Amino acid sequence: MPKQEEKNRTAAVVTLGSKTYFNGLLKFSETLHVHGTIKGTIEATGALIVDKDAVVDADNISVSSLTVYGTVVGNVQALDKVDMMSGARVQGDVCASRLRIADGVLFEGKCNMTGTDKEVEIFSRPSEEIKAELLRSGLASSRDAAFKEDTDSLGDTVSKGDATSSEEDI
């Protein structure tokens, strides 16, 4: 197969027109652009685009990515990303690696971000250890290093502990 035909074949987009109504289990592997109404369940490996006047009312939506200009009701699970464009209405929980919510979106639900390789607990290490690592890696500026030297030279003049005040100080 020539490369141009192969490229066109992988970039296929299926469009459901504005007068289309679908009820049931919908499966697809390419990009689906919806202008009409879908009710039921969506299980797909492709991308879903919901047009401005379209309505998707599904108990579960599982896609590679979702772009919403219209209305989506139901829980969404996207392998990659969910884009809620201005004017979109989304009601349901969203689980995705990336999420973008534009101004003017009505979103009612919970969001769970996925796709992180490991959790990073920033409070589990002393700040001095993190600063030293940043200095070694060159991520901290020389200004930060100079600040550290200045504060180290203060020595005992900086007290460590709780601050209290008396009535005379007030």
Foldseek 3Di string as FASTA:
>chain_A
DDPVVVVDVQQDEAEDAQPDEEEEEAEDEEEYEYNHEYEEEYDYAYEYEYDQNYEYEYQEHEYQEYEFNHEYEYEYEHAAEYEDDANYEYEEEYEHQYYHYDPNYHYHYHYHHDDDPDDDDPPPDDPVVVVVVCVVVVNDDVVVVVVVVVVVVCPPVDDDDDDDDDPVVD
